[in-house]
Amino acid sequence: MPVAGIELSEPMVEQLRRKASATEIPVVVGDMATTQVEGVFSLVYLVFNTLGNLRTQEEQVACFRNAARHLAPGGHFVIELWVPGIRRFPPGQTAVPFEVTEHHTGFDTYDMTTQQGTSHHYSREPDGTYRYSTSNFRYVWPAECDLMAQLAGLAPAGRWADWTRSEFTSESDSHISAYRLPA
């Protein structure tokens, strides 16, 4: 079964090369919304909230279309995404914590009008100092993913709360969504 990858970061490709050769796992350096690899596949996937790295709806729709271009008829596109914690906001609040431990405090801030967010990380270093870092994202609702899939010619094939296929409910804080390219 052929395997290939698309990765934007050359340092990440270098990390992969330490574990697998280019003949074992060919990787093209490029943007997941537009870069193509040779061949068609039975599965294309984006895990660990990767879709949010595309910061506009236009780029996210292009990513769904690019995934569909790489699928064989009957193939599946699977995404793993968190569900934005916005429903936990009390009036006037703009941030939601996602982790508070002795070594890391993280919270997300959201712009409700643009669906842009920033994850803020305060990490405790071994010497007791703290390192601050951020990452930006565009959050996407499950229903919006369904529409993006439809625009790409994909049909819903399932949605679960996690990788053990727990039922997805209104209380779920993440989802695994599968879409199928019709045969």
N, C-alpha and C. Protein backbone atom coordinates (compact mmCIF):
# COMPACT_ATOMS: atom_id res chain seq x y z
N MET A 1 0.84 -1.17 0.00
CA MET A 1 0.00 0.00 0.00
C MET A 1 0.90 1.24 0.00
N PRO A 2 0.75 2.13 -0.96
CA PRO A 2 1.62 3.31 -1.03
C PRO A 2 1.31 4.30 0.09
N VAL A 3 2.37 4.96 0.58
CA VAL A 3 2.28 5.99 1.62
C VAL A 3 3.07 7.18 1.12
N ALA A 4 2.54 8.38 1.34
CA ALA A 4 3.26 9.60 0.99
C ALA A 4 2.81 10.69 1.95
N GLY A 5 3.59 11.76 2.02
CA GLY A 5 3.24 12.85 2.92
C GLY A 5 3.49 14.20 2.31
N ILE A 6 2.81 15.18 2.88
CA ILE A 6 3.03 16.59 2.56
C ILE A 6 3.33 17.26 3.88
N GLU A 7 4.44 17.99 3.92
CA GLU A 7 4.84 18.65 5.17
C GLU A 7 5.40 20.03 4.82
N LEU A 8 4.93 21.05 5.52
CA LEU A 8 5.37 22.42 5.27
C LEU A 8 6.77 22.71 5.83
N SER A 9 7.11 22.05 6.93
CA SER A 9 8.34 22.36 7.64
C SER A 9 9.48 21.42 7.24
N GLU A 10 10.52 22.00 6.63
CA GLU A 10 11.70 21.18 6.29
C GLU A 10 12.36 20.57 7.52
N PRO A 11 12.44 21.28 8.66
CA PRO A 11 13.01 20.64 9.86
C PRO A 11 12.20 19.41 10.30
N MET A 12 10.88 19.43 10.11
CA MET A 12 10.08 18.24 10.46
C MET A 12 10.37 17.09 9.50
N VAL A 13 10.60 17.40 8.23
CA VAL A 13 10.96 16.35 7.27
C VAL A 13 12.32 15.76 7.68
N GLU A 14 13.24 16.61 8.13
CA GLU A 14 14.54 16.11 8.59
C GLU A 14 14.37 15.17 9.79
N GLN A 15 13.43 15.50 10.69
CA GLN A 15 13.14 14.61 11.82
C GLN A 15 12.64 13.25 11.31
N LEU A 16 11.74 13.28 10.34
CA LEU A 16 11.24 12.03 9.77
C LEU A 16 12.36 11.23 9.13
N ARG A 17 13.26 11.91 8.44
CA ARG A 17 14.36 11.22 7.75
C ARG A 17 15.29 10.50 8.73
N ARG A 18 15.31 10.94 9.97
CA ARG A 18 16.11 10.23 10.98
C ARG A 18 15.48 8.89 11.33
N LYS A 19 14.20 8.74 11.02
CA LYS A 19 13.47 7.52 11.36
C LYS A 19 13.15 6.66 10.15
N ALA A 20 12.97 7.27 9.00
CA ALA A 20 12.58 6.54 7.79
C ALA A 20 13.21 7.20 6.58
N SER A 21 13.60 6.40 5.61
CA SER A 21 14.22 6.94 4.40
C SER A 21 13.16 7.49 3.46
N ALA A 22 13.61 8.24 2.47
CA ALA A 22 12.70 8.83 1.48
C ALA A 22 12.03 7.76 0.64
N THR A 23 12.66 6.59 0.51
CA THR A 23 12.01 5.51 -0.25
C THR A 23 10.93 4.84 0.58
N GLU A 24 11.10 4.83 1.93
CA GLU A 24 10.08 4.24 2.80
C GLU A 24 8.84 5.13 2.86
N ILE A 25 9.07 6.44 3.07
CA ILE A 25 7.97 7.40 3.16
C ILE A 25 8.37 8.64 2.37
N PRO A 26 7.93 8.72 1.12
CA PRO A 26 8.23 9.93 0.34
C PRO A 26 7.42 11.12 0.87
N VAL A 27 8.08 12.26 1.01
CA VAL A 27 7.43 13.46 1.52
C VAL A 27 7.76 14.62 0.59
N VAL A 28 6.73 15.38 0.26
CA VAL A 28 6.89 16.59 -0.53
C VAL A 28 6.79 17.77 0.44
N VAL A 29 7.72 18.70 0.35
CA VAL A 29 7.66 19.90 1.18
C VAL A 29 6.71 20.87 0.49
N GLY A 30 5.67 21.25 1.22
CA GLY A 30 4.70 22.17 0.66
C GLY A 30 3.49 22.34 1.55
N ASP A 31 2.56 23.13 1.08
CA ASP A 31 1.34 23.49 1.79
C ASP A 31 0.28 22.41 1.56
N MET A 32 -0.37 21.95 2.62
CA MET A 32 -1.36 20.87 2.51
C MET A 32 -2.61 21.30 1.73
N ALA A 33 -2.81 22.59 1.55
CA ALA A 33 -3.98 23.05 0.81
C ALA A 33 -3.78 22.99 -0.70
N THR A 34 -2.52 23.01 -1.15
CA THR A 34 -2.30 23.11 -2.60
C THR A 34 -1.30 22.09 -3.16
N THR A 35 -0.39 21.60 -2.34
CA THR A 35 0.66 20.70 -2.83
C THR A 35 0.09 19.33 -3.14
N GLN A 36 0.54 18.76 -4.26
CA GLN A 36 0.08 17.44 -4.66
C GLN A 36 1.24 16.46 -4.66
N VAL A 37 0.92 15.20 -4.39
CA VAL A 37 1.88 14.12 -4.50
C VAL A 37 1.39 13.17 -5.58
N GLU A 38 2.29 12.35 -6.08
CA GLU A 38 1.90 11.39 -7.12
C GLU A 38 1.06 10.28 -6.53
N GLY A 39 0.08 9.82 -7.30
CA GLY A 39 -0.71 8.67 -6.90
C GLY A 39 -2.04 9.04 -6.29
N VAL A 40 -2.85 7.99 -6.08
CA VAL A 40 -4.12 8.12 -5.37
C VAL A 40 -4.07 7.15 -4.20
N PHE A 41 -4.86 7.47 -3.17
CA PHE A 41 -4.75 6.76 -1.91
C PHE A 41 -6.13 6.38 -1.38
N SER A 42 -6.16 5.36 -0.55
CA SER A 42 -7.43 4.96 0.07
C SER A 42 -7.71 5.79 1.31
N LEU A 43 -6.67 6.46 1.83
CA LEU A 43 -6.84 7.26 3.03
C LEU A 43 -5.96 8.50 2.97
N VAL A 44 -6.55 9.63 3.31
CA VAL A 44 -5.83 10.89 3.52
C VAL A 44 -6.27 11.36 4.90
N TYR A 45 -5.32 11.79 5.72
CA TYR A 45 -5.73 12.23 7.06
C TYR A 45 -4.95 13.44 7.54
N LEU A 46 -5.61 14.20 8.41
CA LEU A 46 -5.04 15.34 9.12
C LEU A 46 -5.40 15.14 10.59
N VAL A 47 -4.41 14.98 11.45
CA VAL A 47 -4.70 14.74 12.86
C VAL A 47 -4.13 15.85 13.74
N PHE A 48 -4.46 15.80 15.00
CA PHE A 48 -3.98 16.72 16.03
C PHE A 48 -4.23 18.18 15.64
N ASN A 49 -5.44 18.48 15.22
CA ASN A 49 -5.88 19.86 14.95
C ASN A 49 -5.15 20.55 13.80
N THR A 50 -4.56 19.78 12.90
CA THR A 50 -3.75 20.34 11.82
C THR A 50 -4.53 21.31 10.94
N LEU A 51 -5.80 21.02 10.68
CA LEU A 51 -6.58 21.89 9.80
C LEU A 51 -6.59 23.33 10.30
N GLY A 52 -6.55 23.54 11.60
CA GLY A 52 -6.57 24.90 12.17
C GLY A 52 -5.34 25.72 11.81
N ASN A 53 -4.27 25.05 11.36
CA ASN A 53 -3.07 25.79 10.94
C ASN A 53 -3.31 26.59 9.67
N LEU A 54 -4.32 26.23 8.91
CA LEU A 54 -4.71 27.03 7.75
C LEU A 54 -5.62 28.12 8.29
N ARG A 55 -5.24 29.37 8.10
CA ARG A 55 -5.83 30.48 8.85
C ARG A 55 -7.01 31.16 8.18
N THR A 56 -7.43 30.66 6.99
CA THR A 56 -8.63 31.22 6.36
C THR A 56 -9.55 30.09 5.95
N GLN A 57 -10.82 30.42 5.84
CA GLN A 57 -11.78 29.43 5.37
C GLN A 57 -11.44 28.99 3.95
N GLU A 58 -11.01 29.93 3.12
CA GLU A 58 -10.64 29.61 1.74
C GLU A 58 -9.54 28.55 1.70
N GLU A 59 -8.51 28.70 2.55
CA GLU A 59 -7.43 27.71 2.60
C GLU A 59 -7.93 26.36 3.10
N GLN A 60 -8.83 26.39 4.08
CA GLN A 60 -9.36 25.14 4.61
C GLN A 60 -10.21 24.40 3.58
N VAL A 61 -11.02 25.13 2.83
CA VAL A 61 -11.79 24.50 1.75
C VAL A 61 -10.84 23.93 0.70
N ALA A 62 -9.79 24.67 0.36
CA ALA A 62 -8.80 24.17 -0.61
C ALA A 62 -8.15 22.89 -0.10
N CYS A 63 -7.92 22.79 1.19
CA CYS A 63 -7.33 21.59 1.78
C CYS A 63 -8.26 20.39 1.59
N PHE A 64 -9.55 20.57 1.85
CA PHE A 64 -10.52 19.48 1.64
C PHE A 64 -10.51 19.07 0.17
N ARG A 65 -10.48 20.04 -0.74
CA ARG A 65 -10.47 19.72 -2.17
C ARG A 65 -9.18 18.99 -2.56
N ASN A 66 -8.06 19.40 -1.98
CA ASN A 66 -6.78 18.75 -2.25
C ASN A 66 -6.80 17.31 -1.74
N ALA A 67 -7.36 17.11 -0.57
CA ALA A 67 -7.48 15.75 -0.04
C ALA A 67 -8.33 14.89 -0.98
N ALA A 68 -9.45 15.43 -1.43
CA ALA A 68 -10.32 14.68 -2.34
C ALA A 68 -9.61 14.33 -3.64
N ARG A 69 -8.77 15.25 -4.16
CA ARG A 69 -8.00 14.97 -5.39
C ARG A 69 -7.07 13.79 -5.22
N HIS A 70 -6.61 13.53 -4.00
CA HIS A 70 -5.66 12.45 -3.74
C HIS A 70 -6.33 11.12 -3.41
N LEU A 71 -7.67 11.10 -3.33
CA LEU A 71 -8.37 9.87 -2.95
C LEU A 71 -8.78 9.03 -4.15
N ALA A 72 -8.65 7.73 -3.98
CA ALA A 72 -9.22 6.78 -4.93
C ALA A 72 -10.73 6.74 -4.67
N PRO A 73 -11.53 6.40 -5.67
CA PRO A 73 -12.97 6.26 -5.43
C PRO A 73 -13.22 5.31 -4.25
N GLY A 74 -14.09 5.74 -3.34
CA GLY A 74 -14.36 4.97 -2.14
C GLY A 74 -13.39 5.25 -1.00
N GLY A 75 -12.35 6.07 -1.26
CA GLY A 75 -11.36 6.40 -0.23
C GLY A 75 -11.90 7.37 0.80
N HIS A 76 -11.20 7.46 1.92
CA HIS A 76 -11.65 8.28 3.04
C HIS A 76 -10.67 9.40 3.39
N PHE A 77 -11.24 10.53 3.77
CA PHE A 77 -10.51 11.65 4.34
C PHE A 77 -10.93 11.73 5.80
N VAL A 78 -9.95 11.66 6.71
CA VAL A 78 -10.23 11.65 8.15
C VAL A 78 -9.51 12.84 8.79
N ILE A 79 -10.26 13.58 9.62
CA ILE A 79 -9.67 14.70 10.34
C ILE A 79 -9.91 14.53 11.84
N GLU A 80 -8.98 15.03 12.62
CA GLU A 80 -9.12 15.10 14.07
C GLU A 80 -9.02 16.57 14.45
N LEU A 81 -10.04 17.07 15.13
CA LEU A 81 -10.08 18.47 15.54
C LEU A 81 -10.70 18.61 16.93
N TRP A 82 -10.29 19.65 17.62
CA TRP A 82 -10.97 19.97 18.87
C TRP A 82 -12.21 20.77 18.54
N VAL A 83 -13.16 20.80 19.47
CA VAL A 83 -14.33 21.65 19.36
C VAL A 83 -14.02 22.89 20.19
N PRO A 84 -14.11 24.08 19.62
CA PRO A 84 -13.76 25.29 20.36
C PRO A 84 -14.50 25.37 21.70
N GLY A 85 -13.77 25.79 22.73
CA GLY A 85 -14.35 25.87 24.07
C GLY A 85 -15.15 27.13 24.32
N ILE A 86 -15.67 27.72 23.29
CA ILE A 86 -16.35 29.01 23.40
C ILE A 86 -17.60 28.92 24.26
N ARG A 87 -18.27 27.79 24.26
CA ARG A 87 -19.50 27.71 25.04
C ARG A 87 -19.24 27.81 26.55
N ARG A 88 -17.98 27.69 26.97
CA ARG A 88 -17.62 27.82 28.38
C ARG A 88 -17.39 29.27 28.78
N PHE A 89 -17.49 30.21 27.85
CA PHE A 89 -17.24 31.62 28.14
C PHE A 89 -18.37 32.20 29.00
N PRO A 90 -18.02 32.79 30.15
CA PRO A 90 -19.02 33.65 30.80
C PRO A 90 -19.05 34.99 30.06
N PRO A 91 -20.09 35.76 30.23
CA PRO A 91 -20.16 37.05 29.54
C PRO A 91 -18.91 37.90 29.79
N GLY A 92 -18.36 38.45 28.71
CA GLY A 92 -17.20 39.33 28.79
C GLY A 92 -15.85 38.63 28.80
N GLN A 93 -15.83 37.31 28.92
CA GLN A 93 -14.55 36.58 28.95
C GLN A 93 -14.06 36.35 27.52
N THR A 94 -12.72 36.40 27.33
CA THR A 94 -12.16 36.20 25.99
C THR A 94 -11.16 35.05 25.94
N ALA A 95 -10.93 34.36 27.08
CA ALA A 95 -9.93 33.29 27.12
C ALA A 95 -10.49 32.06 27.84
N VAL A 96 -10.03 30.89 27.39
CA VAL A 96 -10.42 29.62 28.01
C VAL A 96 -9.16 28.81 28.28
N PRO A 97 -8.94 28.39 29.54
CA PRO A 97 -7.77 27.55 29.80
C PRO A 97 -7.99 26.14 29.24
N PHE A 98 -6.92 25.54 28.70
CA PHE A 98 -7.01 24.15 28.25
C PHE A 98 -6.09 23.23 29.03
N GLU A 99 -5.12 23.81 29.75
CA GLU A 99 -4.28 23.01 30.62
C GLU A 99 -3.68 23.90 31.70
N VAL A 100 -3.76 23.44 32.94
CA VAL A 100 -3.13 24.14 34.05
C VAL A 100 -2.46 23.07 34.91
N THR A 101 -1.14 22.97 34.81
CA THR A 101 -0.37 22.01 35.59
C THR A 101 0.82 22.73 36.20
N GLU A 102 1.59 22.00 36.97
CA GLU A 102 2.79 22.57 37.59
C GLU A 102 3.80 23.05 36.55
N HIS A 103 3.83 22.38 35.39
CA HIS A 103 4.85 22.68 34.39
C HIS A 103 4.34 23.44 33.16
N HIS A 104 3.03 23.55 33.02
CA HIS A 104 2.50 24.21 31.82
C HIS A 104 1.13 24.80 32.12
N THR A 105 0.95 26.04 31.69
CA THR A 105 -0.37 26.66 31.70
C THR A 105 -0.64 27.11 30.28
N GLY A 106 -1.79 26.69 29.77
CA GLY A 106 -2.16 27.06 28.41
C GLY A 106 -3.59 27.56 28.36
N PHE A 107 -3.81 28.60 27.58
CA PHE A 107 -5.18 29.06 27.37
C PHE A 107 -5.31 29.59 25.95
N ASP A 108 -6.53 29.51 25.45
CA ASP A 108 -6.85 30.00 24.11
C ASP A 108 -7.63 31.29 24.22
N THR A 109 -7.32 32.24 23.33
CA THR A 109 -8.13 33.43 23.16
C THR A 109 -8.77 33.35 21.78
N TYR A 110 -10.00 33.85 21.68
CA TYR A 110 -10.77 33.72 20.44
C TYR A 110 -11.29 35.07 19.98
N ASP A 111 -11.31 35.26 18.66
CA ASP A 111 -11.99 36.39 18.05
C ASP A 111 -13.24 35.80 17.38
N MET A 112 -14.37 36.08 17.97
CA MET A 112 -15.63 35.48 17.50
C MET A 112 -16.04 35.93 16.10
N THR A 113 -15.57 37.08 15.65
CA THR A 113 -15.99 37.57 14.34
C THR A 113 -15.18 36.98 13.20
N THR A 114 -13.94 36.55 13.47
CA THR A 114 -13.08 36.04 12.41
C THR A 114 -12.76 34.55 12.52
N GLN A 115 -13.18 33.93 13.66
CA GLN A 115 -12.84 32.54 13.96
C GLN A 115 -11.34 32.32 14.07
N GLN A 116 -10.63 33.39 14.43
CA GLN A 116 -9.19 33.30 14.67
C GLN A 116 -8.96 33.09 16.16
N GLY A 117 -7.95 32.32 16.47
CA GLY A 117 -7.61 32.09 17.87
C GLY A 117 -6.11 32.05 18.06
N THR A 118 -5.71 32.19 19.31
CA THR A 118 -4.31 32.08 19.68
C THR A 118 -4.20 31.21 20.91
N SER A 119 -3.33 30.22 20.86
CA SER A 119 -3.01 29.42 22.04
C SER A 119 -1.80 30.06 22.71
N HIS A 120 -1.93 30.33 23.99
CA HIS A 120 -0.87 30.93 24.79
C HIS A 120 -0.31 29.86 25.71
N HIS A 121 1.01 29.70 25.71
CA HIS A 121 1.66 28.65 26.51
C HIS A 121 2.68 29.28 27.44
N TYR A 122 2.57 28.96 28.72
CA TYR A 122 3.58 29.33 29.72
C TYR A 122 4.16 28.03 30.23
N SER A 123 5.41 27.75 29.87
CA SER A 123 6.05 26.48 30.22
C SER A 123 7.16 26.73 31.23
N ARG A 124 7.15 25.96 32.31
CA ARG A 124 8.17 26.10 33.34
C ARG A 124 9.43 25.36 32.92
N GLU A 125 10.54 26.07 32.95
CA GLU A 125 11.84 25.50 32.60
C GLU A 125 12.46 24.83 33.84
N PRO A 126 13.45 23.95 33.64
CA PRO A 126 14.10 23.28 34.79
C PRO A 126 14.69 24.24 35.82
N ASP A 127 15.11 25.44 35.39
CA ASP A 127 15.71 26.40 36.34
C ASP A 127 14.66 27.24 37.07
N GLY A 128 13.37 26.97 36.82
CA GLY A 128 12.30 27.68 37.50
C GLY A 128 11.76 28.88 36.75
N THR A 129 12.41 29.28 35.66
CA THR A 129 11.89 30.39 34.85
C THR A 129 10.78 29.86 33.95
N TYR A 130 10.08 30.78 33.32
CA TYR A 130 8.99 30.40 32.42
C TYR A 130 9.29 30.86 31.01
N ARG A 131 8.90 30.06 30.06
CA ARG A 131 9.02 30.39 28.65
C ARG A 131 7.61 30.60 28.12
N TYR A 132 7.41 31.69 27.38
CA TYR A 132 6.11 32.01 26.79
C TYR A 132 6.17 31.78 25.29
N SER A 133 5.15 31.11 24.76
CA SER A 133 5.06 30.94 23.31
C SER A 133 3.58 30.98 22.91
N THR A 134 3.36 31.24 21.63
CA THR A 134 2.00 31.28 21.10
C THR A 134 1.93 30.50 19.80
N SER A 135 0.74 30.10 19.46
CA SER A 135 0.46 29.56 18.13
C SER A 135 -0.92 30.05 17.72
N ASN A 136 -1.04 30.42 16.47
CA ASN A 136 -2.30 30.96 15.94
C ASN A 136 -3.03 29.90 15.14
N PHE A 137 -4.34 30.01 15.11
CA PHE A 137 -5.16 29.03 14.40
C PHE A 137 -6.49 29.65 13.99
N ARG A 138 -7.18 28.95 13.11
CA ARG A 138 -8.57 29.27 12.77
C ARG A 138 -9.41 28.10 13.24
N TYR A 139 -10.35 28.36 14.12
CA TYR A 139 -11.19 27.27 14.61
C TYR A 139 -12.34 26.99 13.64
N VAL A 140 -12.76 25.75 13.64
CA VAL A 140 -13.75 25.26 12.69
C VAL A 140 -14.77 24.41 13.45
N TRP A 141 -16.02 24.66 13.22
CA TRP A 141 -17.08 23.84 13.83
C TRP A 141 -17.27 22.55 13.03
N PRO A 142 -17.70 21.47 13.65
CA PRO A 142 -17.95 20.23 12.91
C PRO A 142 -18.89 20.41 11.71
N ALA A 143 -19.93 21.19 11.87
CA ALA A 143 -20.87 21.42 10.76
C ALA A 143 -20.18 22.14 9.60
N GLU A 144 -19.25 23.04 9.91
CA GLU A 144 -18.51 23.73 8.86
C GLU A 144 -17.61 22.75 8.12
N CYS A 145 -17.01 21.79 8.85
CA CYS A 145 -16.21 20.74 8.19
C CYS A 145 -17.09 19.95 7.22
N ASP A 146 -18.32 19.65 7.64
CA ASP A 146 -19.23 18.90 6.76
C ASP A 146 -19.50 19.66 5.47
N LEU A 147 -19.67 20.97 5.57
CA LEU A 147 -19.90 21.79 4.37
C LEU A 147 -18.66 21.83 3.49
N MET A 148 -17.48 21.95 4.10
CA MET A 148 -16.24 21.94 3.33
C MET A 148 -16.09 20.61 2.59
N ALA A 149 -16.44 19.53 3.25
CA ALA A 149 -16.38 18.21 2.61
C ALA A 149 -17.35 18.15 1.43
N GLN A 150 -18.54 18.65 1.62
CA GLN A 150 -19.53 18.66 0.54
C GLN A 150 -19.02 19.46 -0.65
N LEU A 151 -18.42 20.61 -0.40
CA LEU A 151 -17.87 21.42 -1.48
C LEU A 151 -16.75 20.70 -2.24
N ALA A 152 -16.08 19.77 -1.55
CA ALA A 152 -14.99 19.00 -2.16
C ALA A 152 -15.49 17.70 -2.80
N GLY A 153 -16.80 17.46 -2.77
CA GLY A 153 -17.35 16.25 -3.36
C GLY A 153 -17.27 15.02 -2.46
N LEU A 154 -17.12 15.24 -1.16
CA LEU A 154 -17.01 14.14 -0.20
C LEU A 154 -18.32 14.00 0.57
N ALA A 155 -18.62 12.79 0.98
CA ALA A 155 -19.84 12.50 1.74
C ALA A 155 -19.47 12.10 3.17
N PRO A 156 -20.28 12.46 4.16
CA PRO A 156 -19.99 12.06 5.53
C PRO A 156 -19.96 10.53 5.66
N ALA A 157 -18.99 10.03 6.43
CA ALA A 157 -18.87 8.59 6.65
C ALA A 157 -18.87 8.24 8.13
N GLY A 158 -18.79 9.23 9.01
CA GLY A 158 -18.84 8.97 10.45
C GLY A 158 -18.21 10.08 11.24
N ARG A 159 -18.66 10.21 12.48
CA ARG A 159 -18.06 11.18 13.41
C ARG A 159 -18.10 10.58 14.80
N TRP A 160 -16.97 10.71 15.49
CA TRP A 160 -16.83 10.18 16.84
C TRP A 160 -16.16 11.23 17.71
N ALA A 161 -16.28 11.05 19.02
CA ALA A 161 -15.67 11.99 19.97
C ALA A 161 -14.18 11.77 20.12
N ASP A 162 -13.71 10.55 19.79
CA ASP A 162 -12.29 10.23 19.98
C ASP A 162 -11.94 9.01 19.13
N TRP A 163 -10.69 8.57 19.24
CA TRP A 163 -10.20 7.46 18.43
C TRP A 163 -10.76 6.10 18.86
N THR A 164 -11.42 6.03 20.01
CA THR A 164 -12.05 4.77 20.43
C THR A 164 -13.49 4.70 19.92
N ARG A 165 -13.87 5.67 19.12
CA ARG A 165 -15.20 5.77 18.51
C ARG A 165 -16.31 5.99 19.54
N SER A 166 -15.98 6.73 20.61
CA SER A 166 -17.02 7.14 21.55
C SER A 166 -18.01 8.03 20.80
N GLU A 167 -19.24 8.01 21.26
CA GLU A 167 -20.27 8.81 20.61
C GLU A 167 -19.94 10.29 20.68
N PHE A 168 -20.10 10.99 19.57
CA PHE A 168 -19.93 12.43 19.52
C PHE A 168 -21.23 13.06 20.00
N THR A 169 -21.14 13.93 21.02
CA THR A 169 -22.31 14.59 21.58
C THR A 169 -22.07 16.09 21.67
N SER A 170 -23.06 16.82 22.13
CA SER A 170 -22.91 18.26 22.30
C SER A 170 -21.91 18.60 23.40
N GLU A 171 -21.51 17.63 24.21
CA GLU A 171 -20.52 17.84 25.27
C GLU A 171 -19.11 17.47 24.84
N SER A 172 -18.94 16.89 23.66
CA SER A 172 -17.62 16.45 23.19
C SER A 172 -16.71 17.64 22.97
N ASP A 173 -15.44 17.51 23.39
CA ASP A 173 -14.50 18.60 23.18
C ASP A 173 -13.55 18.35 22.01
N SER A 174 -13.77 17.24 21.29
CA SER A 174 -13.01 16.97 20.06
C SER A 174 -13.86 16.05 19.18
N HIS A 175 -13.40 15.91 17.94
CA HIS A 175 -14.10 14.99 17.04
C HIS A 175 -13.13 14.39 16.04
N ILE A 176 -13.45 13.16 15.67
CA ILE A 176 -12.82 12.48 14.56
C ILE A 176 -13.90 12.40 13.51
N SER A 177 -13.70 13.03 12.37
CA SER A 177 -14.71 13.03 11.31
C SER A 177 -14.14 12.37 10.08
N ALA A 178 -14.93 11.48 9.50
CA ALA A 178 -14.52 10.75 8.30
C ALA A 178 -15.45 11.11 7.16
N TYR A 179 -14.85 11.30 5.99
CA TYR A 179 -15.60 11.62 4.79
C TYR A 179 -15.14 10.66 3.69
N ARG A 180 -16.04 10.33 2.79
CA ARG A 180 -15.77 9.32 1.76
C ARG A 180 -15.96 9.93 0.39
N LEU A 181 -15.03 9.61 -0.52
CA LEU A 181 -15.20 9.99 -1.92
C LEU A 181 -16.07 8.93 -2.56
N PRO A 182 -17.22 9.30 -3.11
CA PRO A 182 -18.10 8.29 -3.70
C PRO A 182 -17.37 7.46 -4.76
N ALA A 183 -17.75 6.19 -4.83
CA ALA A 183 -17.13 5.26 -5.82
C ALA A 183 -17.59 5.59 -7.21
